[in-house]
Structure formats: C-alpha cells, structure tokens
Amino acid sequence: MSANSAALDHVEAFRWRQGDPALSDSEARLYDLGVLRSVLEEAVEIAVADARADGVTWAKIGDALGVTHQAVIKRYGRGGGH
C-alpha cells in the first residue's frame, strides 16, 4: 500500500456529517472534505514553521510538499499562510 492510498483510506473513513438528514450524501461528503482541508492546511502551516525553526531550507520544504521553493515562500514565508 502506498502512502497516498493509505491517506485516502483515512480521508474516506472520515464521516462527520454523514447521516445528517438536511444533506444528501454527496453534500455531506463535501462538508467533510472541507473540514479535512482546513485542518490539513493548518497542520502544514505548523509543520512549515517548525521546519524553518529547525533550519530546514525552503527548497527542502518545497520538495517535501511537492512544490517549488518559490511557491512555499509565497504561501508560508514572509507573512504568508496565516
């Protein structure tokens, strides 16, 4: 099992709004994914700040996140991200 498929299994198991009578299953899924996206972004912001505090370069952070170092700096550096 790859890391991506393991992570997807966790995402698919998260069912906070499932069963809400005011929502269709597809609407509930979208709400659940919105919550996960918000929490994940917050976790990434914290991890990037921790990595920078530990002296990790922007390039290495970008590699870990699958983006360029410029994209990481634009999003999380110099006051970005929050």
N, C-alpha and C. Protein backbone atom coordinates (compact mmCIF):
# COMPACT_ATOMS: atom_id res chain seq x y z
N MET A 1 0.85 -1.18 0.00
CA MET A 1 0.00 0.00 0.00
C MET A 1 0.89 1.24 0.00
N SER A 2 0.58 2.17 -0.86
CA SER A 2 1.36 3.41 -0.93
C SER A 2 0.88 4.39 0.13
N ALA A 3 1.69 5.40 0.37
CA ALA A 3 1.30 6.44 1.33
C ALA A 3 0.03 7.14 0.86
N ASN A 4 -0.08 7.38 -0.45
CA ASN A 4 -1.27 8.05 -0.98
C ASN A 4 -2.53 7.22 -0.74
N SER A 5 -2.46 5.92 -1.00
CA SER A 5 -3.66 5.10 -0.82
C SER A 5 -4.00 4.95 0.66
N ALA A 6 -3.00 4.90 1.53
CA ALA A 6 -3.26 4.84 2.97
C ALA A 6 -3.93 6.13 3.45
N ALA A 7 -3.43 7.27 2.96
CA ALA A 7 -4.03 8.55 3.34
C ALA A 7 -5.46 8.65 2.82
N LEU A 8 -5.69 8.20 1.60
CA LEU A 8 -7.03 8.24 1.03
C LEU A 8 -7.99 7.37 1.84
N ASP A 9 -7.52 6.24 2.33
CA ASP A 9 -8.36 5.40 3.19
C ASP A 9 -8.81 6.17 4.43
N HIS A 10 -7.91 6.93 5.02
CA HIS A 10 -8.26 7.74 6.19
C HIS A 10 -9.27 8.84 5.82
N VAL A 11 -9.04 9.47 4.69
CA VAL A 11 -9.96 10.53 4.23
C VAL A 11 -11.35 9.95 4.01
N GLU A 12 -11.42 8.81 3.35
CA GLU A 12 -12.72 8.21 3.06
C GLU A 12 -13.42 7.72 4.33
N ALA A 13 -12.66 7.42 5.38
CA ALA A 13 -13.24 6.96 6.64
C ALA A 13 -13.81 8.10 7.48
N PHE A 14 -13.40 9.34 7.20
CA PHE A 14 -13.88 10.48 7.97
C PHE A 14 -15.30 10.82 7.54
N ARG A 15 -16.24 10.66 8.46
CA ARG A 15 -17.66 10.88 8.14
C ARG A 15 -18.33 11.69 9.25
N TRP A 16 -18.03 12.96 9.33
CA TRP A 16 -18.58 13.81 10.38
C TRP A 16 -20.03 14.18 10.10
N ARG A 17 -20.33 14.54 8.86
CA ARG A 17 -21.68 14.99 8.51
C ARG A 17 -22.54 13.88 7.89
N GLN A 18 -21.96 12.72 7.67
CA GLN A 18 -22.71 11.61 7.08
C GLN A 18 -23.92 11.30 7.95
N GLY A 19 -25.07 11.14 7.33
CA GLY A 19 -26.29 10.84 8.07
C GLY A 19 -27.08 12.06 8.48
N ASP A 20 -26.56 13.26 8.21
CA ASP A 20 -27.30 14.49 8.50
C ASP A 20 -28.52 14.52 7.59
N PRO A 21 -29.73 14.53 8.15
CA PRO A 21 -30.92 14.46 7.30
C PRO A 21 -31.12 15.70 6.42
N ALA A 22 -30.44 16.80 6.73
CA ALA A 22 -30.57 18.01 5.92
C ALA A 22 -29.67 17.99 4.69
N LEU A 23 -28.81 16.97 4.59
CA LEU A 23 -27.84 16.92 3.49
C LEU A 23 -27.93 15.61 2.73
N SER A 24 -27.69 15.69 1.43
CA SER A 24 -27.52 14.46 0.66
C SER A 24 -26.16 13.87 1.02
N ASP A 25 -25.93 12.62 0.67
CA ASP A 25 -24.63 12.00 0.95
C ASP A 25 -23.49 12.77 0.28
N SER A 26 -23.72 13.23 -0.95
CA SER A 26 -22.66 13.96 -1.64
C SER A 26 -22.39 15.32 -1.00
N GLU A 27 -23.44 15.98 -0.50
CA GLU A 27 -23.25 17.25 0.21
C GLU A 27 -22.49 17.02 1.52
N ALA A 28 -22.86 15.98 2.25
CA ALA A 28 -22.18 15.66 3.50
C ALA A 28 -20.70 15.39 3.24
N ARG A 29 -20.41 14.69 2.17
CA ARG A 29 -19.01 14.38 1.80
C ARG A 29 -18.24 15.67 1.54
N LEU A 30 -18.86 16.61 0.85
CA LEU A 30 -18.19 17.89 0.58
C LEU A 30 -17.92 18.66 1.87
N TYR A 31 -18.87 18.68 2.78
CA TYR A 31 -18.63 19.32 4.07
C TYR A 31 -17.48 18.65 4.82
N ASP A 32 -17.48 17.31 4.82
CA ASP A 32 -16.40 16.58 5.48
C ASP A 32 -15.04 16.90 4.86
N LEU A 33 -14.99 16.95 3.54
CA LEU A 33 -13.73 17.26 2.87
C LEU A 33 -13.29 18.70 3.15
N GLY A 34 -14.23 19.62 3.27
CA GLY A 34 -13.88 20.99 3.62
C GLY A 34 -13.24 21.07 5.00
N VAL A 35 -13.77 20.33 5.95
CA VAL A 35 -13.18 20.28 7.30
C VAL A 35 -11.78 19.71 7.24
N LEU A 36 -11.62 18.60 6.54
CA LEU A 36 -10.30 17.98 6.43
C LEU A 36 -9.29 18.91 5.76
N ARG A 37 -9.73 19.61 4.71
CA ARG A 37 -8.83 20.53 4.02
C ARG A 37 -8.36 21.64 4.95
N SER A 38 -9.27 22.19 5.73
CA SER A 38 -8.93 23.25 6.67
C SER A 38 -7.93 22.78 7.72
N VAL A 39 -8.20 21.61 8.28
CA VAL A 39 -7.32 21.07 9.32
C VAL A 39 -5.95 20.72 8.74
N LEU A 40 -5.94 20.14 7.55
CA LEU A 40 -4.69 19.78 6.91
C LEU A 40 -3.84 21.02 6.61
N GLU A 41 -4.46 22.08 6.13
CA GLU A 41 -3.71 23.30 5.83
C GLU A 41 -3.11 23.87 7.11
N GLU A 42 -3.87 23.84 8.20
CA GLU A 42 -3.33 24.32 9.47
C GLU A 42 -2.14 23.46 9.92
N ALA A 43 -2.24 22.15 9.74
CA ALA A 43 -1.15 21.26 10.11
C ALA A 43 0.09 21.53 9.27
N VAL A 44 -0.10 21.81 7.97
CA VAL A 44 1.03 22.12 7.10
C VAL A 44 1.68 23.44 7.52
N GLU A 45 0.87 24.44 7.83
CA GLU A 45 1.43 25.73 8.29
C GLU A 45 2.30 25.53 9.53
N ILE A 46 1.83 24.75 10.47
CA ILE A 46 2.59 24.49 11.70
C ILE A 46 3.87 23.72 11.37
N ALA A 47 3.77 22.71 10.51
CA ALA A 47 4.94 21.92 10.14
C ALA A 47 5.98 22.75 9.41
N VAL A 48 5.53 23.64 8.54
CA VAL A 48 6.48 24.51 7.82
C VAL A 48 7.18 25.44 8.81
N ALA A 49 6.43 26.03 9.72
CA ALA A 49 7.04 26.91 10.73
C ALA A 49 8.04 26.14 11.59
N ASP A 50 7.68 24.92 11.99
CA ASP A 50 8.59 24.10 12.78
C ASP A 50 9.85 23.75 11.99
N ALA A 51 9.67 23.41 10.72
CA ALA A 51 10.82 23.06 9.88
C ALA A 51 11.75 24.25 9.72
N ARG A 52 11.17 25.42 9.48
CA ARG A 52 12.01 26.62 9.35
C ARG A 52 12.74 26.91 10.65
N ALA A 53 12.06 26.74 11.78
CA ALA A 53 12.71 26.96 13.08
C ALA A 53 13.85 25.98 13.30
N ASP A 54 13.74 24.79 12.70
CA ASP A 54 14.81 23.79 12.79
C ASP A 54 15.89 23.98 11.74
N GLY A 55 15.76 25.03 10.91
CA GLY A 55 16.78 25.32 9.91
C GLY A 55 16.61 24.63 8.58
N VAL A 56 15.46 24.01 8.34
CA VAL A 56 15.22 23.35 7.06
C VAL A 56 15.05 24.42 5.98
N THR A 57 15.68 24.21 4.84
CA THR A 57 15.62 25.20 3.77
C THR A 57 14.26 25.20 3.09
N TRP A 58 13.96 26.33 2.45
CA TRP A 58 12.73 26.43 1.67
C TRP A 58 12.70 25.38 0.57
N ALA A 59 13.85 25.10 -0.03
CA ALA A 59 13.93 24.11 -1.10
C ALA A 59 13.54 22.72 -0.59
N LYS A 60 14.04 22.34 0.58
CA LYS A 60 13.71 21.03 1.13
C LYS A 60 12.23 20.96 1.54
N ILE A 61 11.70 22.04 2.06
CA ILE A 61 10.28 22.08 2.40
C ILE A 61 9.44 21.93 1.13
N GLY A 62 9.82 22.66 0.08
CA GLY A 62 9.12 22.54 -1.20
C GLY A 62 9.17 21.13 -1.73
N ASP A 63 10.34 20.49 -1.67
CA ASP A 63 10.46 19.10 -2.12
C ASP A 63 9.50 18.20 -1.35
N ALA A 64 9.46 18.37 -0.03
CA ALA A 64 8.59 17.53 0.80
C ALA A 64 7.12 17.73 0.48
N LEU A 65 6.75 18.96 0.11
CA LEU A 65 5.35 19.26 -0.19
C LEU A 65 5.02 19.11 -1.67
N GLY A 66 6.02 18.82 -2.49
CA GLY A 66 5.78 18.60 -3.92
C GLY A 66 5.57 19.87 -4.71
N VAL A 67 6.16 20.97 -4.24
CA VAL A 67 6.05 22.25 -4.94
C VAL A 67 7.43 22.90 -4.98
N THR A 68 7.55 24.00 -5.71
CA THR A 68 8.83 24.71 -5.77
C THR A 68 9.07 25.48 -4.48
N HIS A 69 10.34 25.81 -4.26
CA HIS A 69 10.64 26.60 -3.06
C HIS A 69 10.01 27.99 -3.17
N GLN A 70 9.87 28.50 -4.39
CA GLN A 70 9.22 29.79 -4.57
C GLN A 70 7.76 29.75 -4.13
N ALA A 71 7.08 28.66 -4.46
CA ALA A 71 5.68 28.52 -4.08
C ALA A 71 5.53 28.44 -2.56
N VAL A 72 6.46 27.74 -1.91
CA VAL A 72 6.42 27.62 -0.45
C VAL A 72 6.67 28.98 0.20
N ILE A 73 7.65 29.71 -0.30
CA ILE A 73 7.94 31.04 0.25
C ILE A 73 6.73 31.95 0.06
N LYS A 74 6.14 31.92 -1.12
CA LYS A 74 4.99 32.77 -1.40
C LYS A 74 3.82 32.45 -0.45
N ARG A 75 3.60 31.18 -0.19
CA ARG A 75 2.45 30.78 0.64
C ARG A 75 2.71 30.90 2.13
N TYR A 76 3.91 30.51 2.58
CA TYR A 76 4.16 30.41 4.01
C TYR A 76 5.23 31.36 4.54
N GLY A 77 6.01 31.93 3.68
CA GLY A 77 7.09 32.78 4.13
C GLY A 77 6.72 34.24 4.10
N ARG A 78 7.49 35.02 4.82
CA ARG A 78 7.32 36.48 4.79
C ARG A 78 5.87 36.90 5.06
N GLY A 79 5.28 36.29 6.08
CA GLY A 79 3.93 36.69 6.47
C GLY A 79 2.80 36.00 5.74
N GLY A 80 3.12 35.11 4.79
CA GLY A 80 2.07 34.40 4.08
C GLY A 80 1.54 33.23 4.87
N GLY A 81 0.42 32.69 4.43
CA GLY A 81 -0.13 31.47 5.01
C GLY A 81 -1.14 31.67 6.10
N HIS A 82 -1.02 32.66 6.94
CA HIS A 82 -1.98 32.81 8.04
C HIS A 82 -2.99 33.77 7.63
